[in-house]
Amino acid sequence: MTVLVFIVLATLCYSLFAIFISRAGGKADANLITVIGNMVGAILPFIVYAYLRAVKPQLLLPTKGEGIVYAILAGVAVAAFGVFL
């Protein structure tokens, strides 16, 4: 796929996220909505990673400790974003 296709798909998915999260507001506790959204949002990337690791490991970059630290910080930031939203 071309980069443009990925940009369009990412934009579509983010737009759907905004629609769905706004619809969830006021219908459940905001913290519970954040927990559910983050848990479900972690499943697909994990499945893709596990598949690549098992079937096409050559497509994965080597993992460095610094990358893990930044990934954890990114997770904290997106979780805080969900709580503040």
N, C-alpha and C. Protein backbone atom coordinates (compact mmCIF):
# COMPACT_ATOMS: atom_id res chain seq x y z
N MET A 1 0.84 -1.19 0.00
CA MET A 1 0.00 0.00 0.00
C MET A 1 0.88 1.25 0.00
N THR A 2 0.36 2.30 -0.58
CA THR A 2 1.12 3.54 -0.60
C THR A 2 0.93 4.31 0.69
N VAL A 3 1.80 5.26 0.90
CA VAL A 3 1.72 6.09 2.10
C VAL A 3 0.39 6.84 2.15
N LEU A 4 -0.09 7.30 1.02
CA LEU A 4 -1.36 8.02 0.96
C LEU A 4 -2.51 7.16 1.47
N VAL A 5 -2.52 5.89 1.12
CA VAL A 5 -3.58 4.99 1.59
C VAL A 5 -3.53 4.88 3.11
N PHE A 6 -2.33 4.74 3.66
CA PHE A 6 -2.19 4.66 5.11
C PHE A 6 -2.64 5.95 5.79
N ILE A 7 -2.34 7.08 5.20
CA ILE A 7 -2.77 8.37 5.77
C ILE A 7 -4.29 8.47 5.76
N VAL A 8 -4.91 8.09 4.66
CA VAL A 8 -6.38 8.13 4.57
C VAL A 8 -7.00 7.18 5.60
N LEU A 9 -6.47 5.96 5.70
CA LEU A 9 -7.00 5.01 6.68
C LEU A 9 -6.81 5.50 8.11
N ALA A 10 -5.66 6.08 8.41
CA ALA A 10 -5.41 6.61 9.76
C ALA A 10 -6.38 7.75 10.07
N THR A 11 -6.60 8.62 9.10
CA THR A 11 -7.53 9.74 9.30
C THR A 11 -8.94 9.23 9.52
N LEU A 12 -9.34 8.25 8.74
CA LEU A 12 -10.67 7.66 8.91
C LEU A 12 -10.82 7.03 10.29
N CYS A 13 -9.84 6.28 10.71
CA CYS A 13 -9.90 5.63 12.03
C CYS A 13 -9.92 6.65 13.15
N TYR A 14 -9.12 7.71 13.04
CA TYR A 14 -9.12 8.73 14.09
C TYR A 14 -10.47 9.45 14.13
N SER A 15 -11.06 9.70 12.98
CA SER A 15 -12.38 10.33 12.92
C SER A 15 -13.43 9.44 13.57
N LEU A 16 -13.37 8.15 13.29
CA LEU A 16 -14.30 7.22 13.93
C LEU A 16 -14.10 7.19 15.45
N PHE A 17 -12.82 7.22 15.87
CA PHE A 17 -12.54 7.30 17.30
C PHE A 17 -13.21 8.51 17.93
N ALA A 18 -13.07 9.67 17.30
CA ALA A 18 -13.65 10.90 17.84
C ALA A 18 -15.17 10.80 17.91
N ILE A 19 -15.78 10.24 16.89
CA ILE A 19 -17.24 10.08 16.89
C ILE A 19 -17.68 9.13 18.00
N PHE A 20 -17.04 7.97 18.08
CA PHE A 20 -17.45 6.97 19.06
C PHE A 20 -17.19 7.42 20.49
N ILE A 21 -16.06 8.07 20.73
CA ILE A 21 -15.74 8.50 22.09
C ILE A 21 -16.69 9.61 22.53
N SER A 22 -17.08 10.47 21.60
CA SER A 22 -18.04 11.52 21.95
C SER A 22 -19.41 10.93 22.23
N ARG A 23 -19.78 9.88 21.53
CA ARG A 23 -21.07 9.22 21.76
C ARG A 23 -21.08 8.48 23.10
N ALA A 24 -19.93 7.99 23.52
CA ALA A 24 -19.84 7.27 24.79
C ALA A 24 -19.93 8.21 25.98
N GLY A 25 -19.52 9.47 25.79
CA GLY A 25 -19.54 10.45 26.87
C GLY A 25 -20.93 10.64 27.45
N GLY A 26 -21.01 10.61 28.76
CA GLY A 26 -22.27 10.79 29.46
C GLY A 26 -23.08 9.51 29.57
N LYS A 27 -22.63 8.44 28.94
CA LYS A 27 -23.35 7.17 28.98
C LYS A 27 -22.64 6.13 29.84
N ALA A 28 -21.44 6.44 30.26
CA ALA A 28 -20.66 5.57 31.15
C ALA A 28 -19.61 6.45 31.82
N ASP A 29 -19.04 5.94 32.88
CA ASP A 29 -18.00 6.69 33.59
C ASP A 29 -16.83 6.95 32.65
N ALA A 30 -16.32 8.17 32.66
CA ALA A 30 -15.25 8.57 31.76
C ALA A 30 -13.99 7.71 31.94
N ASN A 31 -13.66 7.36 33.18
CA ASN A 31 -12.48 6.54 33.40
C ASN A 31 -12.67 5.13 32.85
N LEU A 32 -13.89 4.59 32.99
CA LEU A 32 -14.17 3.27 32.45
C LEU A 32 -14.08 3.29 30.92
N ILE A 33 -14.61 4.34 30.31
CA ILE A 33 -14.51 4.49 28.86
C ILE A 33 -13.05 4.52 28.43
N THR A 34 -12.22 5.23 29.17
CA THR A 34 -10.79 5.30 28.86
C THR A 34 -10.13 3.94 28.97
N VAL A 35 -10.45 3.21 30.03
CA VAL A 35 -9.88 1.87 30.23
C VAL A 35 -10.26 0.95 29.07
N ILE A 36 -11.54 0.94 28.74
CA ILE A 36 -12.01 0.06 27.67
C ILE A 36 -11.37 0.45 26.34
N GLY A 37 -11.36 1.73 26.04
CA GLY A 37 -10.77 2.20 24.78
C GLY A 37 -9.30 1.85 24.66
N ASN A 38 -8.56 2.04 25.74
CA ASN A 38 -7.12 1.73 25.69
C ASN A 38 -6.87 0.23 25.61
N MET A 39 -7.67 -0.56 26.31
CA MET A 39 -7.47 -2.01 26.26
C MET A 39 -7.79 -2.54 24.87
N VAL A 40 -8.91 -2.14 24.32
CA VAL A 40 -9.29 -2.60 22.98
C VAL A 40 -8.30 -2.06 21.95
N GLY A 41 -7.88 -0.80 22.13
CA GLY A 41 -6.93 -0.20 21.20
C GLY A 41 -5.57 -0.85 21.21
N ALA A 42 -5.27 -1.62 22.24
CA ALA A 42 -3.98 -2.30 22.32
C ALA A 42 -4.02 -3.68 21.66
N ILE A 43 -5.20 -4.22 21.48
CA ILE A 43 -5.32 -5.59 20.97
C ILE A 43 -4.84 -5.72 19.53
N LEU A 44 -5.33 -4.86 18.64
CA LEU A 44 -4.97 -4.98 17.22
C LEU A 44 -3.47 -4.82 16.98
N PRO A 45 -2.82 -3.77 17.53
CA PRO A 45 -1.37 -3.68 17.31
C PRO A 45 -0.61 -4.88 17.89
N PHE A 46 -1.09 -5.42 19.00
CA PHE A 46 -0.43 -6.59 19.58
C PHE A 46 -0.56 -7.80 18.66
N ILE A 47 -1.74 -7.98 18.07
CA ILE A 47 -1.95 -9.10 17.15
C ILE A 47 -1.04 -8.95 15.93
N VAL A 48 -0.95 -7.74 15.39
CA VAL A 48 -0.07 -7.51 14.24
C VAL A 48 1.38 -7.79 14.62
N TYR A 49 1.81 -7.29 15.78
CA TYR A 49 3.19 -7.52 16.23
C TYR A 49 3.46 -9.01 16.42
N ALA A 50 2.54 -9.72 17.09
CA ALA A 50 2.73 -11.16 17.32
C ALA A 50 2.80 -11.92 16.00
N TYR A 51 1.95 -11.54 15.05
CA TYR A 51 1.98 -12.18 13.74
C TYR A 51 3.33 -11.95 13.06
N LEU A 52 3.77 -10.70 13.03
CA LEU A 52 5.04 -10.39 12.38
C LEU A 52 6.20 -11.10 13.08
N ARG A 53 6.15 -11.14 14.38
CA ARG A 53 7.23 -11.79 15.14
C ARG A 53 7.30 -13.28 14.83
N ALA A 54 6.12 -13.90 14.64
CA ALA A 54 6.08 -15.33 14.38
C ALA A 54 6.34 -15.67 12.92
N VAL A 55 5.83 -14.84 12.00
CA VAL A 55 5.85 -15.21 10.59
C VAL A 55 6.91 -14.45 9.79
N LYS A 56 7.08 -13.17 10.08
CA LYS A 56 8.02 -12.35 9.30
C LYS A 56 8.90 -11.50 10.22
N PRO A 57 9.71 -12.14 11.05
CA PRO A 57 10.52 -11.37 12.02
C PRO A 57 11.50 -10.41 11.35
N GLN A 58 11.87 -10.65 10.10
CA GLN A 58 12.81 -9.77 9.41
C GLN A 58 12.22 -8.38 9.18
N LEU A 59 10.90 -8.23 9.28
CA LEU A 59 10.27 -6.92 9.09
C LEU A 59 10.31 -6.06 10.36
N LEU A 60 10.66 -6.66 11.49
CA LEU A 60 10.70 -5.94 12.75
C LEU A 60 12.07 -5.32 13.00
N LEU A 61 12.06 -4.14 13.58
CA LEU A 61 13.31 -3.50 13.98
C LEU A 61 13.81 -4.11 15.28
N PRO A 62 15.13 -4.09 15.50
CA PRO A 62 15.64 -4.56 16.79
C PRO A 62 15.09 -3.69 17.93
N THR A 63 14.77 -4.31 19.05
CA THR A 63 14.22 -3.58 20.19
C THR A 63 15.35 -3.11 21.09
N LYS A 64 15.31 -1.81 21.43
CA LYS A 64 16.30 -1.22 22.34
C LYS A 64 15.57 -0.73 23.58
N GLY A 65 16.27 -0.69 24.69
CA GLY A 65 15.69 -0.24 25.94
C GLY A 65 15.11 1.16 25.85
N GLU A 66 15.80 2.04 25.14
CA GLU A 66 15.33 3.41 24.98
C GLU A 66 13.97 3.45 24.27
N GLY A 67 13.79 2.58 23.30
CA GLY A 67 12.51 2.50 22.59
C GLY A 67 11.38 2.08 23.51
N ILE A 68 11.67 1.14 24.40
CA ILE A 68 10.66 0.68 25.37
C ILE A 68 10.29 1.81 26.32
N VAL A 69 11.28 2.55 26.79
CA VAL A 69 11.01 3.69 27.70
C VAL A 69 10.10 4.71 27.02
N TYR A 70 10.43 5.06 25.78
CA TYR A 70 9.59 6.04 25.07
C TYR A 70 8.20 5.48 24.79
N ALA A 71 8.09 4.20 24.54
CA ALA A 71 6.77 3.59 24.33
C ALA A 71 5.93 3.66 25.60
N ILE A 72 6.57 3.43 26.75
CA ILE A 72 5.86 3.54 28.03
C ILE A 72 5.41 4.98 28.26
N LEU A 73 6.28 5.94 27.99
CA LEU A 73 5.91 7.35 28.14
C LEU A 73 4.76 7.73 27.19
N ALA A 74 4.80 7.20 25.98
CA ALA A 74 3.71 7.46 25.04
C ALA A 74 2.41 6.86 25.55
N GLY A 75 2.48 5.68 26.14
CA GLY A 75 1.28 5.06 26.72
C GLY A 75 0.71 5.88 27.86
N VAL A 76 1.58 6.42 28.71
CA VAL A 76 1.12 7.29 29.80
C VAL A 76 0.46 8.53 29.22
N ALA A 77 1.06 9.11 28.19
CA ALA A 77 0.51 10.32 27.58
C ALA A 77 -0.85 10.06 26.96
N VAL A 78 -1.00 8.95 26.24
CA VAL A 78 -2.29 8.68 25.60
C VAL A 78 -3.35 8.31 26.65
N ALA A 79 -2.95 7.65 27.73
CA ALA A 79 -3.89 7.36 28.80
C ALA A 79 -4.36 8.65 29.48
N ALA A 80 -3.41 9.56 29.73
CA ALA A 80 -3.77 10.86 30.32
C ALA A 80 -4.69 11.63 29.37
N PHE A 81 -4.39 11.57 28.09
CA PHE A 81 -5.25 12.22 27.09
C PHE A 81 -6.67 11.71 27.21
N GLY A 82 -6.82 10.38 27.31
CA GLY A 82 -8.16 9.79 27.45
C GLY A 82 -8.87 10.22 28.70
N VAL A 83 -8.14 10.31 29.81
CA VAL A 83 -8.76 10.75 31.07
C VAL A 83 -9.18 12.21 30.97
N PHE A 84 -8.31 13.06 30.42
CA PHE A 84 -8.64 14.48 30.31
C PHE A 84 -9.73 14.76 29.29
N LEU A 85 -9.81 13.89 28.26
CA LEU A 85 -10.84 14.07 27.23
C LEU A 85 -12.21 13.87 27.84
